[in-house]
């Protein structure tokens, strides 16, 4: 199975119990940590789904990565990848 891509925005908003569920189901996970300066990937095809964690920011905030994340969500939806968050 292809990994689920989790995007974490702030350290205290990790996958928590969701990670445990993925582990029990033997679903691999790749996590992008925005709070550590990691970049949003350009493609979504190598994943089985996308999970966006929370944070104090808004989609309307002028943050460097917001447009890239919106683009990735649109890509996922366009090819019927599951998106949570």
N, C-alpha and C. Protein backbone atom coordinates (compact mmCIF):
# COMPACT_ATOMS: atom_id res chain seq x y z
N UNK A 1 0.84 -1.18 0.00
CA UNK A 1 0.00 0.00 0.00
C UNK A 1 0.88 1.24 0.00
N UNK A 2 0.46 2.22 -0.75
CA UNK A 2 1.17 3.50 -0.76
C UNK A 2 0.93 4.21 0.57
N UNK A 3 1.88 5.03 1.01
CA UNK A 3 1.71 5.71 2.30
C UNK A 3 0.67 6.83 2.24
N UNK A 4 0.10 7.09 3.40
CA UNK A 4 -0.74 8.26 3.59
C UNK A 4 0.19 9.43 3.87
N UNK A 5 -0.05 10.55 3.26
CA UNK A 5 0.75 11.75 3.51
C UNK A 5 0.04 12.60 4.56
N UNK A 6 0.74 12.84 5.67
CA UNK A 6 0.21 13.70 6.73
C UNK A 6 1.00 15.00 6.70
N UNK A 7 0.29 16.12 6.71
CA UNK A 7 0.95 17.42 6.78
C UNK A 7 0.67 18.02 8.15
N UNK A 8 1.75 18.19 8.91
CA UNK A 8 1.66 18.76 10.26
C UNK A 8 2.09 20.22 10.19
N UNK A 9 1.26 21.10 10.76
CA UNK A 9 1.55 22.53 10.69
C UNK A 9 2.26 23.05 11.93
N UNK A 10 1.94 22.52 13.09
CA UNK A 10 2.57 22.92 14.35
C UNK A 10 2.87 21.66 15.16
N UNK A 11 3.92 21.71 15.96
CA UNK A 11 4.40 20.52 16.66
C UNK A 11 3.33 19.87 17.53
N UNK A 12 2.52 20.66 18.20
CA UNK A 12 1.54 20.09 19.13
C UNK A 12 0.27 19.58 18.44
N UNK A 13 0.21 19.62 17.12
CA UNK A 13 -0.94 19.12 16.37
C UNK A 13 -0.55 17.94 15.50
N UNK A 14 0.05 16.92 16.11
CA UNK A 14 0.45 15.73 15.37
C UNK A 14 -0.71 14.78 15.14
N UNK A 15 -0.45 13.64 14.50
CA UNK A 15 -1.52 12.72 14.14
C UNK A 15 -2.13 11.96 15.31
N UNK A 16 -1.45 11.87 16.45
CA UNK A 16 -2.02 11.26 17.64
C UNK A 16 -2.63 9.89 17.41
N UNK A 17 -3.90 9.75 17.78
CA UNK A 17 -4.60 8.47 17.68
C UNK A 17 -4.72 8.01 16.23
N UNK A 18 -4.80 8.93 15.31
CA UNK A 18 -4.87 8.56 13.90
C UNK A 18 -3.63 7.76 13.49
N UNK A 19 -2.46 8.15 14.00
CA UNK A 19 -1.23 7.40 13.72
C UNK A 19 -1.35 5.97 14.24
N UNK A 20 -1.93 5.81 15.43
CA UNK A 20 -2.11 4.47 15.99
C UNK A 20 -3.01 3.62 15.09
N UNK A 21 -4.06 4.21 14.56
CA UNK A 21 -4.95 3.48 13.66
C UNK A 21 -4.23 3.06 12.38
N UNK A 22 -3.44 3.95 11.82
CA UNK A 22 -2.67 3.60 10.63
C UNK A 22 -1.68 2.48 10.95
N UNK A 23 -1.02 2.57 12.10
CA UNK A 23 -0.06 1.54 12.50
C UNK A 23 -0.74 0.18 12.64
N UNK A 24 -1.89 0.15 13.30
CA UNK A 24 -2.62 -1.12 13.49
C UNK A 24 -3.05 -1.73 12.16
N UNK A 25 -3.37 -0.88 11.21
CA UNK A 25 -3.81 -1.35 9.90
C UNK A 25 -2.65 -1.57 8.93
N UNK A 26 -1.43 -1.41 9.43
CA UNK A 26 -0.22 -1.55 8.60
C UNK A 26 -0.24 -0.63 7.39
N UNK A 27 -0.73 0.58 7.61
CA UNK A 27 -0.74 1.60 6.56
C UNK A 27 0.46 2.52 6.80
N UNK A 28 1.39 2.57 5.86
CA UNK A 28 2.56 3.43 6.05
C UNK A 28 2.17 4.91 6.00
N UNK A 29 2.97 5.71 6.68
CA UNK A 29 2.71 7.15 6.78
C UNK A 29 3.98 7.92 6.46
N UNK A 30 3.85 8.96 5.68
CA UNK A 30 4.92 9.95 5.49
C UNK A 30 4.39 11.25 6.07
N UNK A 31 5.19 11.91 6.91
CA UNK A 31 4.74 13.16 7.51
C UNK A 31 5.64 14.30 7.07
N UNK A 32 5.01 15.35 6.57
CA UNK A 32 5.68 16.60 6.24
C UNK A 32 5.44 17.55 7.41
N UNK A 33 6.51 18.06 7.99
CA UNK A 33 6.40 18.95 9.16
C UNK A 33 6.67 20.39 8.73
N UNK A 34 5.60 21.12 8.47
CA UNK A 34 5.71 22.51 8.06
C UNK A 34 6.44 23.32 9.14
N UNK A 35 6.18 22.98 10.40
CA UNK A 35 6.80 23.70 11.52
C UNK A 35 8.32 23.53 11.56
N UNK A 36 8.85 22.53 10.84
CA UNK A 36 10.30 22.32 10.77
C UNK A 36 10.87 22.80 9.45
N UNK A 37 10.05 23.50 8.67
CA UNK A 37 10.53 24.04 7.40
C UNK A 37 10.47 23.07 6.23
N UNK A 38 9.87 21.90 6.42
CA UNK A 38 9.76 20.95 5.31
C UNK A 38 8.76 21.48 4.28
N UNK A 39 9.00 21.16 3.05
CA UNK A 39 8.22 21.71 1.93
C UNK A 39 7.08 20.77 1.53
N UNK A 40 6.00 21.37 1.07
CA UNK A 40 4.87 20.63 0.52
C UNK A 40 5.33 19.98 -0.78
N UNK A 41 5.05 18.69 -0.98
CA UNK A 41 5.48 18.04 -2.22
C UNK A 41 4.71 18.57 -3.43
N UNK A 42 5.30 18.39 -4.60
CA UNK A 42 4.67 18.84 -5.84
C UNK A 42 3.63 17.86 -6.36
N UNK A 43 3.73 16.60 -5.94
CA UNK A 43 2.84 15.55 -6.47
C UNK A 43 2.17 14.79 -5.34
N UNK A 44 1.04 14.19 -5.65
CA UNK A 44 0.28 13.41 -4.68
C UNK A 44 0.12 11.96 -5.15
N UNK A 45 0.53 11.66 -6.37
CA UNK A 45 0.29 10.35 -6.97
C UNK A 45 0.91 9.20 -6.19
N UNK A 46 2.01 9.41 -5.49
CA UNK A 46 2.68 8.33 -4.77
C UNK A 46 2.09 8.05 -3.41
N UNK A 47 0.91 8.55 -3.13
CA UNK A 47 0.29 8.36 -1.82
C UNK A 47 -1.09 7.71 -1.96
N UNK A 48 -1.59 7.19 -0.84
CA UNK A 48 -2.94 6.63 -0.86
C UNK A 48 -3.97 7.61 -0.31
N UNK A 49 -3.52 8.73 0.22
CA UNK A 49 -4.43 9.73 0.75
C UNK A 49 -3.66 10.87 1.39
N UNK A 50 -4.39 11.90 1.79
CA UNK A 50 -3.80 13.11 2.35
C UNK A 50 -4.54 13.47 3.64
N UNK A 51 -3.77 13.74 4.70
CA UNK A 51 -4.34 14.19 5.98
C UNK A 51 -3.69 15.52 6.34
N UNK A 52 -4.52 16.51 6.61
CA UNK A 52 -4.03 17.84 7.00
C UNK A 52 -4.34 18.04 8.47
N UNK A 53 -3.31 18.21 9.28
CA UNK A 53 -3.51 18.44 10.70
C UNK A 53 -3.88 19.90 10.93
N UNK A 54 -4.27 20.22 12.15
CA UNK A 54 -4.73 21.56 12.47
C UNK A 54 -3.63 22.52 12.86
N UNK A 55 -4.05 23.65 13.39
CA UNK A 55 -3.13 24.68 13.84
C UNK A 55 -3.87 25.99 14.02
N UNK A 56 -3.17 27.00 14.49
CA UNK A 56 -3.82 28.28 14.76
C UNK A 56 -4.01 29.15 13.52
N UNK A 57 -3.45 28.73 12.40
CA UNK A 57 -3.49 29.56 11.20
C UNK A 57 -4.81 29.39 10.45
N UNK A 58 -5.05 30.32 9.55
CA UNK A 58 -6.22 30.29 8.67
C UNK A 58 -5.74 30.15 7.23
N UNK A 59 -6.58 29.60 6.40
CA UNK A 59 -6.25 29.49 4.99
C UNK A 59 -6.06 30.87 4.35
N UNK A 60 -6.57 31.90 5.01
CA UNK A 60 -6.43 33.26 4.49
C UNK A 60 -5.18 33.98 4.99
N UNK A 61 -4.40 33.34 5.86
CA UNK A 61 -3.18 33.96 6.37
C UNK A 61 -2.11 34.01 5.28
N UNK A 62 -1.28 35.05 5.28
CA UNK A 62 -0.24 35.19 4.26
C UNK A 62 1.01 34.37 4.61
N UNK A 63 0.88 33.05 4.59
CA UNK A 63 2.00 32.16 4.91
C UNK A 63 2.57 31.57 3.62
N UNK A 64 3.88 31.35 3.61
CA UNK A 64 4.57 30.89 2.40
C UNK A 64 3.98 29.61 1.82
N UNK A 65 3.56 28.70 2.66
CA UNK A 65 3.18 27.36 2.22
C UNK A 65 1.69 27.18 1.94
N UNK A 66 0.85 28.15 2.26
CA UNK A 66 -0.60 27.99 2.11
C UNK A 66 -0.99 27.68 0.66
N UNK A 67 -0.48 28.44 -0.28
CA UNK A 67 -0.84 28.21 -1.69
C UNK A 67 -0.41 26.82 -2.15
N UNK A 68 0.78 26.37 -1.70
CA UNK A 68 1.25 25.04 -2.08
C UNK A 68 0.34 23.96 -1.50
N UNK A 69 -0.13 24.15 -0.28
CA UNK A 69 -1.01 23.17 0.34
C UNK A 69 -2.37 23.14 -0.37
N UNK A 70 -2.90 24.30 -0.70
CA UNK A 70 -4.17 24.36 -1.43
C UNK A 70 -4.02 23.65 -2.78
N UNK A 71 -2.90 23.89 -3.45
CA UNK A 71 -2.65 23.24 -4.74
C UNK A 71 -2.63 21.72 -4.58
N UNK A 72 -1.97 21.22 -3.50
CA UNK A 72 -1.88 19.78 -3.27
C UNK A 72 -3.25 19.18 -2.98
N UNK A 73 -4.06 19.87 -2.21
CA UNK A 73 -5.43 19.40 -1.94
C UNK A 73 -6.23 19.32 -3.24
N UNK A 74 -6.11 20.33 -4.07
CA UNK A 74 -6.82 20.33 -5.36
C UNK A 74 -6.36 19.17 -6.24
N UNK A 75 -5.05 18.90 -6.24
CA UNK A 75 -4.53 17.76 -7.01
C UNK A 75 -5.11 16.46 -6.49
N UNK A 76 -5.14 16.30 -5.17
CA UNK A 76 -5.67 15.08 -4.57
C UNK A 76 -7.15 14.89 -4.93
N UNK A 77 -7.92 15.95 -4.81
CA UNK A 77 -9.34 15.86 -5.12
C UNK A 77 -9.58 15.56 -6.60
N UNK A 78 -8.74 16.12 -7.46
CA UNK A 78 -8.90 15.92 -8.91
C UNK A 78 -8.71 14.46 -9.32
N UNK A 79 -7.91 13.71 -8.54
CA UNK A 79 -7.70 12.30 -8.88
C UNK A 79 -8.35 11.37 -7.85
N UNK A 80 -9.31 11.90 -7.12
CA UNK A 80 -10.12 11.13 -6.17
C UNK A 80 -9.32 10.48 -5.04
N UNK A 81 -8.26 11.14 -4.61
CA UNK A 81 -7.53 10.68 -3.42
C UNK A 81 -8.33 11.10 -2.19
N UNK A 82 -8.41 10.25 -1.18
CA UNK A 82 -9.07 10.65 0.06
C UNK A 82 -8.32 11.80 0.73
N UNK A 83 -9.06 12.79 1.21
CA UNK A 83 -8.48 13.94 1.90
C UNK A 83 -9.23 14.11 3.22
N UNK A 84 -8.46 14.24 4.31
CA UNK A 84 -9.04 14.47 5.64
C UNK A 84 -8.37 15.69 6.23
N UNK A 85 -9.17 16.61 6.71
CA UNK A 85 -8.61 17.78 7.38
C UNK A 85 -9.06 19.08 6.77
